[in-house]
Amino acid sequence: MSVVPFPAVPGSQRPDGGGQDIADAVGRYLDGVQAATTRASYAETLASLAAIVGSRDAGSLQPGDYAAVMARWDGAAAATWNRHLSALTSFTAWAQRNEILAVNPARRLERRKPARRGDRSIPRARLEKLLADDRHGLRERVLWRMLYETAARAEEILTLNVEDLDPEFRRARVTSKGGAVEYVHWATATARLLPRLLRGRTAGPVFLADRRAPAAGRRAPAAGDICPATGRGRLSYPRAEYLFKQASAALDPHKKGWTLHQLRHSALQHLAADGRTAPELRCESSLPCRGRGAAASPRAGGRRAGLAPDG
């Protein structure tokens, strides 16, 4: 029985008789990509692959070749990384269907999970510019500073009462997400502003709403959420979030403003950048750590210290 070979694809074989040249394989693949925008995007990635591989056969591609390509975008955003990885995996699938590749050189690479908007860290310089701007109200400046310096959850700080504060040691007693009672600590900036906000108040919510609380009806808050001296209610999370987003919109590249969760996330990220250890960060983020609890003292290990501890 005679065997009749299929005709070769023009340009698919190297002159020296070897396998298909990577440049030819990439060209054939891109010719089959219908969407112009996708073709242009993938061409950038595959051009880098061709430059790294050189004149080698397309069938000789290895995970190291793909890793070298992706190293170019190692520091890029997750969406950028994933876009370039998609180009490589799509080319690989095409090459395997056409029996050019027997293995998958992309098998060691993984897609990255894009950060949710609320988890994006705020650049330190932009955040400091906002915190130092005295055009914003005193209440907001104290709240933002305290949230940043303590790395506490917004709910923990907004539910603080004056009775929970220990100004001498720059700390406050809070109830954490799990119900445990613990301390958060702040630094000099908060310590300087806090007395001005309290103005001699000795009881009631630390952060007050702009108006007096209704005395009756469905909107009347609990007695513990009303300042006995002014009759004003406790500042709510939605209102605090709205004010922070409005104030930060001008500094946000997306012009949407930042969230209070981003403020806490940024504090933890900046702590890590400053060399804080993993156990310390676990304490800052309210995860279980040694030396925590209601009996914690200002000098106890595992406390949630301020972002910039100083005298």
C-alpha atoms as a PDB file:
ATOM      1  CA  MET A   1       0.000   0.000   0.000  1.00  0.00           C
ATOM      2  CA  SER A   2       1.418   3.341  -0.977  1.00  0.00           C
ATOM      3  CA  VAL A   3       1.210   6.370   1.323  1.00  0.00           C
ATOM      4  CA  VAL A   4       0.458   9.743  -0.248  1.00  0.00           C
ATOM      5  CA  PRO A   5       1.670  12.630   1.951  1.00  0.00           C
ATOM      6  CA  PHE A   6      -0.406  15.764   2.377  1.00  0.00           C
ATOM      7  CA  PRO A   7       1.026  18.769   0.567  1.00  0.00           C
ATOM      8  CA  ALA A   8       3.011  21.071   2.800  1.00  0.00           C
ATOM      9  CA  VAL A   9       1.662  24.502   3.660  1.00  0.00           C
ATOM     10  CA  PRO A  10       3.663  27.112   1.732  1.00  0.00           C
ATOM     11  CA  GLY A  11       6.195  28.816   3.959  1.00  0.00           C
ATOM     12  CA  SER A  12       5.582  26.414   6.817  1.00  0.00           C
ATOM     13  CA  GLN A  13       8.908  24.599   6.558  1.00  0.00           C
ATOM     14  CA  ARG A  14      12.319  26.057   7.253  1.00  0.00           C
ATOM     15  CA  PRO A  15      14.830  26.040   4.369  1.00  0.00           C
ATOM     16  CA  ASP A  16      17.140  23.705   6.298  1.00  0.00           C
ATOM     17  CA  GLY A  17      14.437  21.031   6.423  1.00  0.00           C
ATOM     18  CA  GLY A  18      13.570  21.528  10.106  1.00  0.00           C
ATOM     19  CA  GLY A  19      10.147  22.189  11.636  1.00  0.00           C
ATOM     20  CA  GLN A  20       8.038  25.285  11.275  1.00  0.00           C
ATOM     21  CA  ASP A  21       9.706  28.590  12.045  1.00  0.00           C
ATOM     22  CA  ILE A  22       8.134  30.494  14.945  1.00  0.00           C
ATOM     23  CA  ALA A  23       7.664  33.658  12.869  1.00  0.00           C
ATOM     24  CA  ASP A  24       5.804  31.703  10.196  1.00  0.00           C
ATOM     25  CA  ALA A  25       3.639  29.975  12.799  1.00  0.00           C
ATOM     26  CA  VAL A  26       2.768  33.269  14.462  1.00  0.00           C
ATOM     27  CA  GLY A  27       1.941  34.823  11.091  1.00  0.00           C
ATOM     28  CA  ARG A  28      -0.386  31.965  10.159  1.00  0.00           C
ATOM     29  CA  TYR A  29      -2.088  32.122  13.549  1.00  0.00           C
ATOM     30  CA  LEU A  30      -2.664  35.883  13.404  1.00  0.00           C
ATOM     31  CA  ASP A  31      -4.097  35.604   9.907  1.00  0.00           C
ATOM     32  CA  GLY A  32      -6.874  33.505  11.395  1.00  0.00           C
ATOM     33  CA  VAL A  33      -7.779  35.991  14.140  1.00  0.00           C
ATOM     34  CA  GLN A  34     -10.866  37.793  12.870  1.00  0.00           C
ATOM     35  CA  ALA A  35     -11.180  40.705  15.342  1.00  0.00           C
ATOM     36  CA  ALA A  36      -8.757  43.475  14.421  1.00  0.00           C
ATOM     37  CA  THR A  37      -8.346  44.706  17.999  1.00  0.00           C
ATOM     38  CA  THR A  38      -7.617  41.202  19.281  1.00  0.00           C
ATOM     39  CA  ARG A  39      -5.178  40.587  16.427  1.00  0.00           C
ATOM     40  CA  ALA A  40      -3.290  43.801  17.207  1.00  0.00           C
ATOM     41  CA  SER A  41      -3.191  43.029  20.933  1.00  0.00           C
ATOM     42  CA  TYR A  42      -2.007  39.441  20.454  1.00  0.00           C
ATOM     43  CA  ALA A  43       0.569  40.518  17.873  1.00  0.00           C
ATOM     44  CA  GLU A  44       2.438  42.503  20.540  1.00  0.00           C
ATOM     45  CA  THR A  45       2.717  39.473  22.808  1.00  0.00           C
ATOM     46  CA  LEU A  46       3.680  37.063  20.053  1.00  0.00           C
ATOM     47  CA  ALA A  47       6.261  39.476  18.675  1.00  0.00           C
ATOM     48  CA  SER A  48       7.998  39.257  22.046  1.00  0.00           C
ATOM     49  CA  LEU A  49       7.820  35.475  21.842  1.00  0.00           C
ATOM     50  CA  ALA A  50       9.362  35.468  18.371  1.00  0.00           C
ATOM     51  CA  ALA A  51      12.135  37.803  19.524  1.00  0.00           C
ATOM     52  CA  ILE A  52      13.001  35.515  22.438  1.00  0.00           C
ATOM     53  CA  VAL A  53      12.818  32.245  20.499  1.00  0.00           C
ATOM     54  CA  GLY A  54      14.645  33.577  17.440  1.00  0.00           C
ATOM     55  CA  SER A  55      15.036  31.099  14.568  1.00  0.00           C
ATOM     56  CA  ARG A  56      14.145  28.010  16.563  1.00  0.00           C
ATOM     57  CA  ASP A  57      11.345  25.678  15.530  1.00  0.00           C
ATOM     58  CA  ALA A  58       7.890  26.486  16.864  1.00  0.00           C
ATOM     59  CA  GLY A  59       7.653  22.880  17.998  1.00  0.00           C
ATOM     60  CA  SER A  60      10.553  23.384  20.395  1.00  0.00           C
ATOM     61  CA  LEU A  61       8.754  25.957  22.573  1.00  0.00           C
ATOM     62  CA  GLN A  62       9.167  25.311  26.293  1.00  0.00           C
ATOM     63  CA  PRO A  63       7.669  26.762  29.512  1.00  0.00           C
ATOM     64  CA  GLY A  64      10.844  28.785  29.968  1.00  0.00           C
ATOM     65  CA  ASP A  65      10.208  30.613  26.700  1.00  0.00           C
ATOM     66  CA  TYR A  66       6.713  31.617  27.777  1.00  0.00           C
ATOM     67  CA  ALA A  67       7.955  32.606  31.236  1.00  0.00           C
ATOM     68  CA  ALA A  68      10.541  34.885  29.626  1.00  0.00           C
ATOM     69  CA  VAL A  69       7.818  36.557  27.574  1.00  0.00           C
ATOM     70  CA  MET A  70       5.533  37.078  30.579  1.00  0.00           C
ATOM     71  CA  ALA A  71       8.400  38.418  32.705  1.00  0.00           C
ATOM     72  CA  ARG A  72       8.112  41.610  30.676  1.00  0.00           C
ATOM     73  CA  TRP A  73       4.695  42.246  32.228  1.00  0.00           C
ATOM     74  CA  ASP A  74       5.399  40.776  35.654  1.00  0.00           C
ATOM     75  CA  GLY A  75       4.820  44.105  37.380  1.00  0.00           C
ATOM     76  CA  ALA A  76       1.789  45.076  35.326  1.00  0.00           C
ATOM     77  CA  ALA A  77      -1.823  45.052  36.466  1.00  0.00           C
ATOM     78  CA  ALA A  78      -3.606  41.709  36.579  1.00  0.00           C
ATOM     79  CA  ALA A  79      -5.747  42.627  33.559  1.00  0.00           C
ATOM     80  CA  THR A  80      -2.642  43.375  31.468  1.00  0.00           C
ATOM     81  CA  TRP A  81      -0.947  40.160  32.567  1.00  0.00           C
ATOM     82  CA  ASN A  82      -4.045  38.121  31.733  1.00  0.00           C
ATOM     83  CA  ARG A  83      -4.390  39.740  28.309  1.00  0.00           C
ATOM     84  CA  HIS A  84      -0.857  38.777  27.299  1.00  0.00           C
ATOM     85  CA  LEU A  85      -1.235  35.301  28.776  1.00  0.00           C
ATOM     86  CA  SER A  86      -4.423  34.867  26.730  1.00  0.00           C
ATOM     87  CA  ALA A  87      -2.429  35.578  23.582  1.00  0.00           C
ATOM     88  CA  LEU A  88       0.043  32.820  24.438  1.00  0.00           C
ATOM     89  CA  THR A  89      -2.612  30.270  25.410  1.00  0.00           C
ATOM     90  CA  SER A  90      -4.681  31.005  22.303  1.00  0.00           C
ATOM     91  CA  PHE A  91      -1.621  30.588  20.083  1.00  0.00           C
ATOM     92  CA  THR A  92      -0.746  27.364  21.919  1.00  0.00           C
ATOM     93  CA  ALA A  93      -4.226  25.909  21.386  1.00  0.00           C
ATOM     94  CA  TRP A  94      -4.005  26.741  17.676  1.00  0.00           C
ATOM     95  CA  ALA A  95      -0.511  25.218  17.412  1.00  0.00           C
ATOM     96  CA  GLN A  96      -1.626  22.013  19.115  1.00  0.00           C
ATOM     97  CA  ARG A  97      -4.645  21.685  16.815  1.00  0.00           C
ATOM     98  CA  ASN A  98      -2.302  22.033  13.856  1.00  0.00           C
ATOM     99  CA  GLU A  99       0.109  19.472  15.341  1.00  0.00           C
ATOM    100  CA  ILE A 100       2.894  22.025  15.606  1.00  0.00           C
ATOM    101  CA  LEU A 101       3.150  21.685  19.390  1.00  0.00           C
ATOM    102  CA  ALA A 102       2.928  18.407  21.263  1.00  0.00           C
ATOM    103  CA  VAL A 103       3.139  19.971  24.731  1.00  0.00           C
ATOM    104  CA  ASN A 104       1.680  23.073  26.361  1.00  0.00           C
ATOM    105  CA  PRO A 105       4.421  25.624  27.147  1.00  0.00           C
ATOM    106  CA  ALA A 106       1.888  27.724  29.085  1.00  0.00           C
ATOM    107  CA  ARG A 107       1.122  25.005  31.619  1.00  0.00           C
ATOM    108  CA  ARG A 108       3.127  26.631  34.416  1.00  0.00           C
ATOM    109  CA  LEU A 109       1.564  30.085  34.022  1.00  0.00           C
ATOM    110  CA  GLU A 110      -1.596  31.124  35.835  1.00  0.00           C
ATOM    111  CA  ARG A 111      -4.052  33.916  35.328  1.00  0.00           C
ATOM    112  CA  ARG A 112      -4.035  36.582  38.003  1.00  0.00           C
ATOM    113  CA  LYS A 113      -7.052  37.652  39.965  1.00  0.00           C
ATOM    114  CA  PRO A 114      -7.771  41.349  39.353  1.00  0.00           C
ATOM    115  CA  ALA A 115      -8.050  43.347  42.535  1.00  0.00           C
ATOM    116  CA  ARG A 116     -11.514  44.558  43.355  1.00  0.00           C
ATOM    117  CA  ARG A 117     -11.781  48.316  43.298  1.00  0.00           C
ATOM    118  CA  GLY A 118     -12.393  48.336  47.031  1.00  0.00           C
ATOM    119  CA  ASP A 119      -9.145  46.423  47.636  1.00  0.00           C
ATOM    120  CA  ARG A 120      -6.879  48.759  45.708  1.00  0.00           C
ATOM    121  CA  SER A 121      -4.287  50.504  47.786  1.00  0.00           C
ATOM    122  CA  ILE A 122      -4.271  54.313  47.673  1.00  0.00           C
ATOM    123  CA  PRO A 123      -0.840  55.755  46.780  1.00  0.00           C
ATOM    124  CA  ARG A 124       0.749  57.091  49.954  1.00  0.00           C
ATOM    125  CA  ALA A 125       1.552  60.531  48.529  1.00  0.00           C
ATOM    126  CA  ARG A 126      -2.021  61.097  47.299  1.00  0.00           C
ATOM    127  CA  LEU A 127      -3.481  59.905  50.576  1.00  0.00           C
ATOM    128  CA  GLU A 128      -1.202  62.119  52.644  1.00  0.00           C
ATOM    129  CA  LYS A 129      -2.197  65.099  50.510  1.00  0.00           C
ATOM    130  CA  LEU A 130      -5.839  64.425  51.341  1.00  0.00           C
ATOM    131  CA  LEU A 131      -5.219  63.868  55.048  1.00  0.00           C
ATOM    132  CA  ALA A 132      -3.163  67.057  55.343  1.00  0.00           C
ATOM    133  CA  ASP A 133      -5.744  69.255  53.601  1.00  0.00           C
ATOM    134  CA  ASP A 134      -7.286  71.412  56.345  1.00  0.00           C
ATOM    135  CA  ARG A 135     -10.024  72.605  54.021  1.00  0.00           C
ATOM    136  CA  HIS A 136     -11.961  69.497  55.016  1.00  0.00           C
ATOM    137  CA  GLY A 137     -14.012  69.450  58.196  1.00  0.00           C
ATOM    138  CA  LEU A 138     -12.389  68.629  61.523  1.00  0.00           C
ATOM    139  CA  ARG A 139     -14.625  65.599  62.070  1.00  0.00           C
ATOM    140  CA  GLU A 140     -13.643  64.095  58.730  1.00  0.00           C
ATOM    141  CA  ARG A 141      -9.939  64.771  59.231  1.00  0.00           C
ATOM    142  CA  VAL A 142      -9.964  63.078  62.640  1.00  0.00           C
ATOM    143  CA  LEU A 143     -11.926  60.106  61.320  1.00  0.00           C
ATOM    144  CA  TRP A 144      -9.701  59.594  58.287  1.00  0.00           C
ATOM    145  CA  ARG A 145      -6.512  59.979  60.321  1.00  0.00           C
ATOM    146  CA  MET A 146      -7.715  57.592  62.997  1.00  0.00           C
ATOM    147  CA  LEU A 147      -8.790  54.990  60.440  1.00  0.00           C
ATOM    148  CA  TYR A 148      -5.448  55.197  58.661  1.00  0.00           C
ATOM    149  CA  GLU A 149      -3.239  55.233  61.745  1.00  0.00           C
ATOM    150  CA  THR A 150      -5.078  52.400  63.496  1.00  0.00           C
ATOM    151  CA  ALA A 151      -5.760  50.310  60.362  1.00  0.00           C
ATOM    152  CA  ALA A 152      -9.089  49.543  62.030  1.00  0.00           C
ATOM    153  CA  ARG A 153     -12.372  48.776  60.328  1.00  0.00           C
ATOM    154  CA  ALA A 154     -14.617  51.762  59.773  1.00  0.00           C
ATOM    155  CA  GLU A 155     -17.396  50.156  61.832  1.00  0.00           C
ATOM    156  CA  GLU A 156     -15.042  49.816  64.803  1.00  0.00           C
ATOM    157  CA  ILE A 157     -14.101  53.501  64.777  1.00  0.00           C
ATOM    158  CA  LEU A 158     -17.553  54.876  63.988  1.00  0.00           C
ATOM    159  CA  THR A 159     -19.040  52.988  66.967  1.00  0.00           C
ATOM    160  CA  LEU A 160     -16.505  54.453  69.398  1.00  0.00           C
ATOM    161  CA  ASN A 161     -17.820  56.382  72.378  1.00  0.00           C
ATOM    162  CA  VAL A 162     -15.840  59.014  74.249  1.00  0.00           C
ATOM    163  CA  GLU A 163     -15.729  56.633  77.217  1.00  0.00           C
ATOM    164  CA  ASP A 164     -13.785  54.127  75.075  1.00  0.00           C
ATOM    165  CA  LEU A 165     -10.898  56.527  74.499  1.00  0.00           C
ATOM    166  CA  ASP A 166      -7.613  56.471  76.420  1.00  0.00           C
ATOM    167  CA  PRO A 167      -5.881  59.657  75.172  1.00  0.00           C
ATOM    168  CA  GLU A 168      -2.928  59.253  77.542  1.00  0.00           C
ATOM    169  CA  PHE A 169      -1.838  56.072  75.783  1.00  0.00           C
ATOM    170  CA  ARG A 170      -3.260  57.079  72.398  1.00  0.00           C
ATOM    171  CA  ARG A 171      -5.564  54.100  72.231  1.00  0.00           C
ATOM    172  CA  ALA A 172      -9.228  53.150  72.219  1.00  0.00           C
ATOM    173  CA  ARG A 173     -11.161  50.058  73.201  1.00  0.00           C
ATOM    174  CA  VAL A 174     -13.111  48.575  70.280  1.00  0.00           C
ATOM    175  CA  THR A 175     -15.259  45.544  69.665  1.00  0.00           C
ATOM    176  CA  SER A 176     -13.801  43.634  66.725  1.00  0.00           C
ATOM    177  CA  LYS A 177     -15.673  41.855  63.967  1.00  0.00           C
ATOM    178  CA  GLY A 178     -15.618  38.593  65.935  1.00  0.00           C
ATOM    179  CA  GLY A 179     -16.929  40.227  69.088  1.00  0.00           C
ATOM    180  CA  ALA A 180     -13.624  40.356  70.965  1.00  0.00           C
ATOM    181  CA  VAL A 181     -12.718  43.498  72.901  1.00  0.00           C
ATOM    182  CA  GLU A 182      -9.302  44.876  71.973  1.00  0.00           C
ATOM    183  CA  TYR A 183      -7.336  48.096  71.607  1.00  0.00           C
ATOM    184  CA  VAL A 184      -6.390  50.165  68.588  1.00  0.00           C
ATOM    185  CA  HIS A 185      -3.605  52.752  68.771  1.00  0.00           C
ATOM    186  CA  TRP A 186      -3.054  55.982  66.889  1.00  0.00           C
ATOM    187  CA  ALA A 187      -0.171  58.358  66.288  1.00  0.00           C
ATOM    188  CA  THR A 188       0.624  62.048  66.712  1.00  0.00           C
ATOM    189  CA  ALA A 189      -1.613  63.497  63.999  1.00  0.00           C
ATOM    190  CA  THR A 190      -4.754  61.985  65.510  1.00  0.00           C
ATOM    191  CA  ALA A 191      -3.623  62.819  69.036  1.00  0.00           C
ATOM    192  CA  ARG A 192      -3.353  66.503  68.122  1.00  0.00           C
ATOM    193  CA  LEU A 193      -6.746  66.726  66.429  1.00  0.00           C
ATOM    194  CA  LEU A 194      -8.859  64.593  68.736  1.00  0.00           C
ATOM    195  CA  PRO A 195      -9.171  67.077  71.668  1.00  0.00           C
ATOM    196  CA  ARG A 196     -10.437  69.736  69.268  1.00  0.00           C
ATOM    197  CA  LEU A 197     -13.139  67.383  68.050  1.00  0.00           C
ATOM    198  CA  LEU A 198     -14.292  66.390  71.539  1.00  0.00           C
ATOM    199  CA  ARG A 199     -14.288  69.927  73.006  1.00  0.00           C
ATOM    200  CA  GLY A 200     -14.746  68.712  76.544  1.00  0.00           C
ATOM    201  CA  ARG A 201     -17.350  66.030  75.781  1.00  0.00           C
ATOM    202  CA  THR A 202     -17.079  63.127  78.208  1.00  0.00           C
ATOM    203  CA  ALA A 203     -19.747  60.724  76.931  1.00  0.00           C
ATOM    204  CA  GLY A 204     -21.613  59.683  73.810  1.00  0.00           C
ATOM    205  CA  PRO A 205     -20.436  58.967  70.254  1.00  0.00           C
ATOM    206  CA  VAL A 206     -17.026  60.299  69.250  1.00  0.00           C
ATOM    207  CA  PHE A 207     -18.151  61.066  65.696  1.00  0.00           C
ATOM    208  CA  LEU A 208     -21.449  62.933  65.558  1.00  0.00           C
ATOM    209  CA  ALA A 209     -23.892  63.584  62.751  1.00  0.00           C
ATOM    210  CA  ASP A 210     -24.483  67.152  61.583  1.00  0.00           C
ATOM    211  CA  ARG A 211     -28.033  67.352  62.933  1.00  0.00           C
ATOM    212  CA  ARG A 212     -29.808  66.610  66.161  1.00  0.00           C
ATOM    213  CA  ALA A 213     -31.237  63.117  66.296  1.00  0.00           C
ATOM    214  CA  PRO A 214     -35.057  62.740  66.127  1.00  0.00           C
ATOM    215  CA  ALA A 215     -36.511  62.115  69.559  1.00  0.00           C
ATOM    216  CA  ALA A 216     -39.266  59.768  68.410  1.00  0.00           C
ATOM    217  CA  GLY A 217     -40.420  57.722  65.437  1.00  0.00           C
ATOM    218  CA  ARG A 218     -38.798  55.027  63.352  1.00  0.00           C
ATOM    219  CA  ARG A 219     -35.713  57.147  62.668  1.00  0.00           C
ATOM    220  CA  ALA A 220     -35.018  57.821  66.328  1.00  0.00           C
ATOM    221  CA  PRO A 221     -31.662  56.187  67.233  1.00  0.00           C
ATOM    222  CA  ALA A 222     -30.938  54.219  70.380  1.00  0.00           C
ATOM    223  CA  ALA A 223     -30.080  56.257  73.455  1.00  0.00           C
ATOM    224  CA  GLY A 224     -26.462  55.102  73.258  1.00  0.00           C
ATOM    225  CA  ASP A 225     -26.142  56.641  69.799  1.00  0.00           C
ATOM    226  CA  ILE A 226     -27.077  60.154  70.936  1.00  0.00           C
ATOM    227  CA  CYS A 227     -24.671  62.689  72.421  1.00  0.00           C
ATOM    228  CA  PRO A 228     -26.033  63.728  75.842  1.00  0.00           C
ATOM    229  CA  ALA A 229     -24.467  67.179  75.486  1.00  0.00           C
ATOM    230  CA  THR A 230     -25.556  68.150  71.969  1.00  0.00           C
ATOM    231  CA  GLY A 231     -28.437  65.810  71.158  1.00  0.00           C
ATOM    232  CA  ARG A 232     -26.791  64.887  67.883  1.00  0.00           C
ATOM    233  CA  GLY A 233     -26.754  61.283  66.729  1.00  0.00           C
ATOM    234  CA  ARG A 234     -23.873  59.075  65.724  1.00  0.00           C
ATOM    235  CA  LEU A 235     -22.319  59.574  62.292  1.00  0.00           C
ATOM    236  CA  SER A 236     -23.468  56.722  60.044  1.00  0.00           C
ATOM    237  CA  TYR A 237     -21.244  54.582  57.840  1.00  0.00           C
ATOM    238  CA  PRO A 238     -23.059  55.561  54.585  1.00  0.00           C
ATOM    239  CA  ARG A 239     -22.665  59.265  55.361  1.00  0.00           C
ATOM    240  CA  ALA A 240     -18.986  58.875  56.319  1.00  0.00           C
ATOM    241  CA  GLU A 241     -18.345  56.862  53.164  1.00  0.00           C
ATOM    242  CA  TYR A 242     -20.100  59.452  50.988  1.00  0.00           C
ATOM    243  CA  LEU A 243     -18.075  62.329  52.438  1.00  0.00           C
ATOM    244  CA  PHE A 244     -14.795  60.459  51.993  1.00  0.00           C
ATOM    245  CA  LYS A 245     -15.580  59.627  48.375  1.00  0.00           C
ATOM    246  CA  GLN A 246     -16.579  63.213  47.638  1.00  0.00           C
ATOM    247  CA  ALA A 247     -13.419  64.602  49.208  1.00  0.00           C
ATOM    248  CA  SER A 248     -11.104  62.122  47.478  1.00  0.00           C
ATOM    249  CA  ALA A 249     -12.622  62.254  43.988  1.00  0.00           C
ATOM    250  CA  ALA A 250     -10.263  65.011  42.841  1.00  0.00           C
ATOM    251  CA  LEU A 251      -7.211  62.917  43.784  1.00  0.00           C
ATOM    252  CA  ASP A 252      -8.554  59.630  42.440  1.00  0.00           C
ATOM    253  CA  PRO A 253      -7.392  59.012  38.833  1.00  0.00           C
ATOM    254  CA  HIS A 254     -10.805  57.418  38.161  1.00  0.00           C
ATOM    255  CA  LYS A 255     -12.558  60.511  39.602  1.00  0.00           C
ATOM    256  CA  LYS A 256     -14.933  58.271  41.568  1.00  0.00           C
ATOM    257  CA  GLY A 257     -13.378  58.790  44.984  1.00  0.00           C
ATOM    258  CA  TRP A 258     -11.993  56.208  47.384  1.00  0.00           C
ATOM    259  CA  THR A 259     -13.812  54.054  49.917  1.00  0.00           C
ATOM    260  CA  LEU A 260     -13.280  53.681  53.640  1.00  0.00           C
ATOM    261  CA  HIS A 261     -12.322  50.052  53.025  1.00  0.00           C
ATOM    262  CA  GLN A 262      -9.578  51.244  50.693  1.00  0.00           C
ATOM    263  CA  LEU A 263      -8.322  53.509  53.456  1.00  0.00           C
ATOM    264  CA  ARG A 264      -7.862  50.540  55.791  1.00  0.00           C
ATOM    265  CA  HIS A 265      -6.440  48.367  53.014  1.00  0.00           C
ATOM    266  CA  SER A 266      -3.927  51.117  52.207  1.00  0.00           C
ATOM    267  CA  ALA A 267      -2.857  51.340  55.848  1.00  0.00           C
ATOM    268  CA  LEU A 268      -2.063  47.621  55.892  1.00  0.00           C
ATOM    269  CA  GLN A 269      -0.257  47.807  52.549  1.00  0.00           C
ATOM    270  CA  HIS A 270       1.844  50.747  53.699  1.00  0.00           C
ATOM    271  CA  LEU A 271       2.670  48.947  56.948  1.00  0.00           C
ATOM    272  CA  ALA A 272       3.934  45.999  54.916  1.00  0.00           C
ATOM    273  CA  ALA A 273       5.975  48.325  52.702  1.00  0.00           C
ATOM    274  CA  ASP A 274       7.544  49.786  55.834  1.00  0.00           C
ATOM    275  CA  GLY A 275       8.793  46.351  56.843  1.00  0.00           C
ATOM    276  CA  ARG A 276       6.196  45.269  59.380  1.00  0.00           C
ATOM    277  CA  THR A 277       6.175  41.523  59.952  1.00  0.00           C
ATOM    278  CA  ALA A 278       3.406  39.090  59.081  1.00  0.00           C
ATOM    279  CA  PRO A 279       2.375  38.580  62.756  1.00  0.00           C
ATOM    280  CA  GLU A 280       2.141  42.342  63.201  1.00  0.00           C
ATOM    281  CA  LEU A 281       0.003  42.675  60.079  1.00  0.00           C
ATOM    282  CA  ARG A 282      -2.262  39.864  61.294  1.00  0.00           C
ATOM    283  CA  CYS A 283      -2.786  41.862  64.477  1.00  0.00           C
ATOM    284  CA  GLU A 284      -3.454  45.046  62.522  1.00  0.00           C
ATOM    285  CA  SER A 285      -6.060  43.295  60.404  1.00  0.00           C
ATOM    286  CA  SER A 286      -7.889  41.845  63.420  1.00  0.00           C
ATOM    287  CA  LEU A 287      -6.854  38.275  62.688  1.00  0.00           C
ATOM    288  CA  PRO A 288      -6.032  36.079  65.711  1.00  0.00           C
ATOM    289  CA  CYS A 289      -2.632  36.853  67.133  1.00  0.00           C
ATOM    290  CA  ARG A 290      -0.773  36.454  70.379  1.00  0.00           C
ATOM    291  CA  GLY A 291      -1.242  38.942  73.193  1.00  0.00           C
ATOM    292  CA  ARG A 292      -4.611  40.310  72.072  1.00  0.00           C
ATOM    293  CA  GLY A 293      -7.787  40.867  74.049  1.00  0.00           C
ATOM    294  CA  ALA A 294      -9.380  43.043  76.686  1.00  0.00           C
ATOM    295  CA  ALA A 295      -6.393  42.730  78.990  1.00  0.00           C
ATOM    296  CA  ALA A 296      -3.941  44.079  76.429  1.00  0.00           C
ATOM    297  CA  SER A 297      -1.776  46.877  77.739  1.00  0.00           C
ATOM    298  CA  PRO A 298      -0.009  49.658  75.821  1.00  0.00           C
ATOM    299  CA  ARG A 299       3.204  47.647  75.999  1.00  0.00           C
ATOM    300  CA  ALA A 300       1.679  44.216  75.376  1.00  0.00           C
ATOM    301  CA  GLY A 301       2.859  42.219  72.399  1.00  0.00           C
ATOM    302  CA  GLY A 302       0.474  41.744  69.486  1.00  0.00           C
ATOM    303  CA  ARG A 303      -1.316  45.065  69.874  1.00  0.00           C
ATOM    304  CA  ARG A 304      -2.613  47.063  66.927  1.00  0.00           C
ATOM    305  CA  ALA A 305      -0.068  49.844  67.018  1.00  0.00           C
ATOM    306  CA  GLY A 306      -0.352  53.092  65.101  1.00  0.00           C
ATOM    307  CA  LEU A 307       0.975  53.359  61.563  1.00  0.00           C
ATOM    308  CA  ALA A 308       3.654  55.828  62.620  1.00  0.00           C
ATOM    309  CA  PRO A 309       4.368  55.094  66.293  1.00  0.00           C
ATOM    310  CA  ASP A 310       6.182  57.933  67.928  1.00  0.00           C
ATOM    311  CA  GLY A 311       6.685  59.532  71.364  1.00  0.00           C
END
